[in-house]
């Protein structure tokens, strides 16, 4: 089955470029499951009409039941599995949008059942019916139904009390720890995001939302911090320090150091070595 990630704050703004790609449903199969996967270029919404299931979104597992709505942002890793005791009945649709996300990345991806759930189920069933029958004008009707579904999802979320998401908080802490342990390695935003099985945009959003800086900028700050320590506490050559802190090109390192610290590596060392002594080097 395609993709899902949920939670929306504020009012959803209709985008006429949102385009329905497919609709479907899953029912009457207690053994149904869909292994971990993601869609880089589309979003997916699902509503649970009956039953229960487990949904892994990013690195967090959620239990969801009748009336719950889930929305997967593009690039979000996810997996689904039906309950054997209460087989799940899901209505879902996939669509393309120019937006980076439908639900803000720091929101809980499950919108819990509320007074709008029955209406959401009805809209999703109508969408499936129209896209299946394909009578005259079905494209326009499907487009209007998709917009109604997105607006209703926003309305559903506005009724949901937002609680701290400890799972996401832990992910952000894990991201920082990962950078702290690997900042001298040739890391890129994509490589770091892939390590946590989330999209680069989501990765950067989570980190900046918590620490008010980008992951790459934080990595550079860690590198420069280590470089200043080595300049002050050792007599290592600048090119050696550059290599130890993740830069093969010593000239590029010096330019970046000057930009971040405000003086060249040699100037920084000269300003601090007057009050320091170093062990002799063989």
Protein backbone atom coordinates (compact mmCIF):
# COMPACT_ATOMS: atom_id res chain seq x y z
CA UNK A 1 0.00 0.00 0.00
CA UNK A 2 1.29 3.54 -0.58
CA UNK A 3 2.33 6.23 1.98
CA UNK A 4 0.99 8.06 5.18
CA UNK A 5 1.97 10.73 7.85
CA UNK A 6 -0.43 12.72 10.00
CA UNK A 7 -1.23 15.71 12.12
CA UNK A 8 -1.99 19.21 10.86
CA UNK A 9 -2.04 22.53 12.65
CA UNK A 10 -3.81 25.69 11.63
CA UNK A 11 -5.96 25.91 8.53
CA UNK A 12 -5.07 23.94 5.43
CA UNK A 13 -4.83 26.16 2.36
CA UNK A 14 -6.30 24.63 -0.77
CA UNK A 15 -3.73 24.20 -3.52
CA UNK A 16 -5.29 23.67 -6.95
CA UNK A 17 -2.08 21.91 -8.00
CA UNK A 18 -2.79 19.07 -5.54
CA UNK A 19 -3.45 16.12 -7.85
CA UNK A 20 -5.02 12.76 -6.99
CA UNK A 21 -2.89 9.79 -8.08
CA UNK A 22 -4.81 6.78 -6.76
CA UNK A 23 -7.35 5.56 -4.23
CA UNK A 24 -7.90 2.17 -2.63
CA UNK A 25 -8.99 0.18 0.37
CA UNK A 26 -7.83 -2.82 2.42
CA UNK A 27 -10.28 -5.05 4.30
CA UNK A 28 -11.08 -8.55 5.59
CA UNK A 29 -7.48 -9.72 5.82
CA UNK A 30 -6.14 -10.32 9.36
CA UNK A 31 -2.72 -11.19 7.89
CA UNK A 32 -2.41 -7.97 5.90
CA UNK A 33 0.78 -5.99 6.34
CA UNK A 34 2.94 -3.71 4.25
CA UNK A 35 6.69 -3.65 4.99
CA UNK A 36 8.69 -0.50 5.57
CA UNK A 37 8.77 1.80 2.53
CA UNK A 38 8.54 5.45 1.52
CA UNK A 39 7.44 7.61 -1.42
CA UNK A 40 9.76 10.48 -2.38
CA UNK A 41 7.28 12.36 -4.56
CA UNK A 42 3.78 11.88 -3.16
CA UNK A 43 1.66 12.10 -0.03
CA UNK A 44 -0.89 9.64 1.29
CA UNK A 45 -3.92 9.90 3.57
CA UNK A 46 -5.76 6.98 5.12
CA UNK A 47 -8.72 6.63 7.45
CA UNK A 48 -9.55 3.52 9.44
CA UNK A 49 -13.18 2.55 8.89
CA UNK A 50 -13.07 -0.57 11.09
CA UNK A 51 -10.63 -2.61 13.13
CA UNK A 52 -7.16 -1.84 14.43
CA UNK A 53 -3.56 -1.89 13.30
CA UNK A 54 0.03 -0.94 14.05
CA UNK A 55 1.77 1.75 12.03
CA UNK A 56 5.48 2.48 12.15
CA UNK A 57 6.18 6.03 10.98
CA UNK A 58 9.82 7.05 10.98
CA UNK A 59 11.20 5.27 14.04
CA UNK A 60 7.99 5.37 16.10
CA UNK A 61 5.26 2.72 16.30
CA UNK A 62 1.64 3.83 16.71
CA UNK A 63 -1.54 1.90 17.46
CA UNK A 64 -4.50 3.19 15.45
CA UNK A 65 -8.17 2.21 15.40
CA UNK A 66 -11.58 3.05 13.93
CA UNK A 67 -11.95 6.71 13.01
CA UNK A 68 -8.24 7.55 13.21
CA UNK A 69 -6.68 9.40 10.29
CA UNK A 70 -3.04 9.16 9.22
CA UNK A 71 -1.14 11.31 6.74
CA UNK A 72 2.28 10.39 5.36
CA UNK A 73 4.39 13.29 4.16
CA UNK A 74 6.50 12.53 1.12
CA UNK A 75 9.80 10.87 1.95
CA UNK A 76 8.51 9.46 5.25
CA UNK A 77 9.45 5.85 5.97
CA UNK A 78 6.44 3.84 7.15
CA UNK A 79 5.03 0.33 7.58
CA UNK A 80 1.52 -1.01 8.33
CA UNK A 81 0.14 -4.17 9.90
CA UNK A 82 -3.43 -5.27 10.62
CA UNK A 83 -4.57 -6.63 13.96
CA UNK A 84 -5.41 -10.33 13.73
CA UNK A 85 -8.20 -10.08 16.30
CA UNK A 86 -9.75 -6.96 14.78
CA UNK A 87 -8.84 -6.94 11.06
CA UNK A 88 -8.41 -3.47 9.72
CA UNK A 89 -10.51 -1.76 7.05
CA UNK A 90 -8.61 1.15 5.53
CA UNK A 91 -9.63 3.70 2.91
CA UNK A 92 -6.66 5.55 1.44
CA UNK A 93 -5.56 7.85 -1.34
CA UNK A 94 -2.26 9.10 -2.73
CA UNK A 95 -1.74 12.51 -4.25
CA UNK A 96 0.90 14.88 -5.54
CA UNK A 97 1.44 18.35 -4.07
CA UNK A 98 4.02 21.11 -4.47
CA UNK A 99 4.11 21.52 -0.70
CA UNK A 100 7.06 20.24 1.33
CA UNK A 101 4.65 18.71 3.83
CA UNK A 102 0.95 18.41 4.48
CA UNK A 103 1.31 17.95 8.20
CA UNK A 104 4.06 19.89 10.01
CA UNK A 105 6.92 17.47 10.64
CA UNK A 106 6.91 18.07 14.41
CA UNK A 107 3.25 17.04 14.77
CA UNK A 108 1.98 13.66 15.90
CA UNK A 109 1.31 11.72 12.67
CA UNK A 110 -1.95 10.18 13.90
CA UNK A 111 -5.11 12.29 14.11
CA UNK A 112 -7.27 10.52 16.64
CA UNK A 113 -10.96 9.81 16.01
CA UNK A 114 -13.35 12.65 16.78
CA UNK A 115 -16.73 13.99 15.68
CA UNK A 116 -15.51 14.46 12.09
CA UNK A 117 -14.36 10.86 11.61
CA UNK A 118 -17.65 9.62 10.09
CA UNK A 119 -17.60 12.45 7.55
CA UNK A 120 -13.99 11.66 6.67
CA UNK A 121 -14.86 8.00 6.06
CA UNK A 122 -17.77 9.03 3.83
CA UNK A 123 -15.58 11.37 1.76
CA UNK A 124 -12.89 8.73 1.31
CA UNK A 125 -15.46 6.16 0.20
CA UNK A 126 -16.97 8.64 -2.27
CA UNK A 127 -13.49 9.36 -3.62
CA UNK A 128 -12.86 5.65 -4.18
CA UNK A 129 -16.26 5.20 -5.83
CA UNK A 130 -15.81 8.15 -8.21
CA UNK A 131 -12.31 7.11 -9.23
CA UNK A 132 -13.51 3.53 -9.84
CA UNK A 133 -16.73 4.20 -11.77
CA UNK A 134 -15.13 6.95 -13.89
CA UNK A 135 -18.37 8.51 -15.06
CA UNK A 136 -18.34 11.82 -16.92
CA UNK A 137 -16.75 14.58 -14.83
CA UNK A 138 -15.20 12.19 -12.32
CA UNK A 139 -11.82 13.97 -12.49
CA UNK A 140 -13.30 17.26 -11.28
CA UNK A 141 -15.37 15.55 -8.60
CA UNK A 142 -12.32 13.64 -7.35
CA UNK A 143 -10.31 16.86 -7.23
CA UNK A 144 -12.97 18.59 -5.14
CA UNK A 145 -13.28 15.56 -2.85
CA UNK A 146 -9.51 15.53 -2.30
CA UNK A 147 -9.55 19.19 -1.31
CA UNK A 148 -12.46 18.54 1.06
CA UNK A 149 -10.57 15.63 2.63
CA UNK A 150 -7.49 17.77 3.23
CA UNK A 151 -9.55 20.58 4.75
CA UNK A 152 -11.43 18.15 6.97
CA UNK A 153 -8.16 16.60 8.16
CA UNK A 154 -7.03 20.07 9.19
CA UNK A 155 -10.31 20.59 11.04
CA UNK A 156 -9.95 17.23 12.79
CA UNK A 157 -6.48 18.10 14.01
CA UNK A 158 -7.62 21.46 15.35
CA UNK A 159 -9.84 19.53 17.79
CA UNK A 160 -6.98 17.35 18.96
CA UNK A 161 -5.10 18.34 22.09
CA UNK A 162 -1.47 18.48 21.22
CA UNK A 163 0.79 16.77 23.71
CA UNK A 164 4.59 16.65 23.78
CA UNK A 165 5.84 14.01 21.36
CA UNK A 166 8.49 12.22 23.40
CA UNK A 167 9.29 9.97 20.47
CA UNK A 168 10.28 12.88 18.25
CA UNK A 169 12.13 14.54 21.12
CA UNK A 170 14.22 11.40 21.46
CA UNK A 171 14.92 11.32 17.73
CA UNK A 172 16.26 14.88 17.87
CA UNK A 173 18.50 13.97 20.81
CA UNK A 174 19.71 10.94 18.88
CA UNK A 175 20.45 13.12 15.85
CA UNK A 176 22.56 15.51 17.92
CA UNK A 177 24.43 12.61 19.51
CA UNK A 178 25.06 11.12 16.08
CA UNK A 179 26.55 14.39 14.81
CA UNK A 180 28.63 14.78 17.99
CA UNK A 181 30.11 11.33 17.44
CA UNK A 182 30.63 11.62 13.67
CA UNK A 183 31.24 15.29 12.89
CA UNK A 184 34.74 14.62 11.54
CA UNK A 185 33.31 12.21 8.96
CA UNK A 186 32.25 13.31 5.44
CA UNK A 187 28.61 13.78 6.40
CA UNK A 188 25.96 15.27 4.13
CA UNK A 189 22.37 16.14 5.00
CA UNK A 190 21.12 13.20 2.93
CA UNK A 191 23.58 10.77 4.50
CA UNK A 192 22.53 11.82 8.01
CA UNK A 193 18.82 11.67 7.15
CA UNK A 194 19.23 8.22 5.59
CA UNK A 195 20.83 7.00 8.81
CA UNK A 196 17.56 7.80 10.61
CA UNK A 197 15.31 6.66 7.74
CA UNK A 198 13.65 10.07 7.34
CA UNK A 199 13.65 12.64 4.55
CA UNK A 200 16.39 15.33 4.50
CA UNK A 201 13.74 18.05 4.83
CA UNK A 202 12.14 16.38 7.86
CA UNK A 203 15.58 15.76 9.37
CA UNK A 204 16.61 19.41 9.02
CA UNK A 205 13.22 20.68 10.25
CA UNK A 206 13.29 18.57 13.42
CA UNK A 207 16.84 19.61 14.29
CA UNK A 208 16.38 23.33 13.60
CA UNK A 209 13.08 23.40 15.47
CA UNK A 210 14.88 22.13 18.59
CA UNK A 211 18.31 23.80 18.34
CA UNK A 212 17.61 26.89 16.17
CA UNK A 213 20.37 25.97 13.74
CA UNK A 214 20.75 23.61 10.82
CA UNK A 215 22.41 20.18 11.20
CA UNK A 216 25.17 21.17 8.76
CA UNK A 217 25.86 24.43 10.58
CA UNK A 218 26.00 22.56 13.89
CA UNK A 219 28.45 20.06 12.38
CA UNK A 220 30.67 22.91 11.18
CA UNK A 221 30.55 24.53 14.63
CA UNK A 222 31.64 21.23 16.21
CA UNK A 223 34.50 20.95 13.73
CA UNK A 224 35.64 24.50 14.36
CA UNK A 225 35.38 23.99 18.11
CA UNK A 226 37.67 20.97 17.90
CA UNK A 227 40.03 22.89 15.60
CA UNK A 228 40.38 25.75 18.09
CA UNK A 229 41.15 23.24 20.85
CA UNK A 230 43.86 21.58 18.76
CA UNK A 231 45.33 24.95 17.78
CA UNK A 232 45.62 25.99 21.42
CA UNK A 233 46.54 22.70 23.08
CA UNK A 234 48.88 21.18 20.48
CA UNK A 235 51.55 22.21 18.01
CA UNK A 236 49.97 20.29 15.17
CA UNK A 237 50.27 21.91 11.76
CA UNK A 238 47.19 23.55 10.28
CA UNK A 239 46.90 20.95 7.53
CA UNK A 240 46.97 18.18 10.15
CA UNK A 241 44.18 19.83 12.11
CA UNK A 242 42.19 20.32 8.92
CA UNK A 243 42.41 16.63 8.16
CA UNK A 244 41.51 15.57 11.70
CA UNK A 245 38.40 17.75 11.67
CA UNK A 246 37.09 16.46 8.35
CA UNK A 247 38.71 18.67 5.70
CA UNK A 248 41.06 17.23 3.09
CA UNK A 249 41.71 20.69 1.64
CA UNK A 250 43.69 22.81 4.11
CA UNK A 251 43.03 26.03 2.19
CA UNK A 252 39.28 25.48 2.31
CA UNK A 253 39.56 24.71 6.03
CA UNK A 254 41.45 27.97 6.64
CA UNK A 255 38.89 30.02 4.71
CA UNK A 256 35.98 28.42 6.57
CA UNK A 257 37.74 28.75 9.94
CA UNK A 258 38.32 32.46 9.30
CA UNK A 259 34.69 32.94 8.36
CA UNK A 260 33.37 31.15 11.46
CA UNK A 261 35.91 32.25 14.09
CA UNK A 262 36.78 35.70 12.75
CA UNK A 263 40.51 35.13 12.28
CA UNK A 264 42.77 32.68 10.51
CA UNK A 265 43.98 29.49 12.24
CA UNK A 266 47.50 30.93 12.56
CA UNK A 267 46.22 34.20 14.01
CA UNK A 268 44.06 32.28 16.46
CA UNK A 269 47.05 30.21 17.60
CA UNK A 270 49.31 33.25 17.89
CA UNK A 271 46.72 35.06 20.02
CA UNK A 272 46.54 32.19 22.49
CA UNK A 273 49.98 30.58 22.61
CA UNK A 274 51.54 33.43 24.64
CA UNK A 275 50.10 32.05 27.85
CA UNK A 276 50.50 28.36 26.99
CA UNK A 277 53.34 25.87 26.83
CA UNK A 278 53.36 22.75 24.70
CA UNK A 279 55.00 19.37 25.15
CA UNK A 280 57.89 18.85 22.78
CA UNK A 281 57.27 16.82 19.64
CA UNK A 282 59.74 14.27 18.31
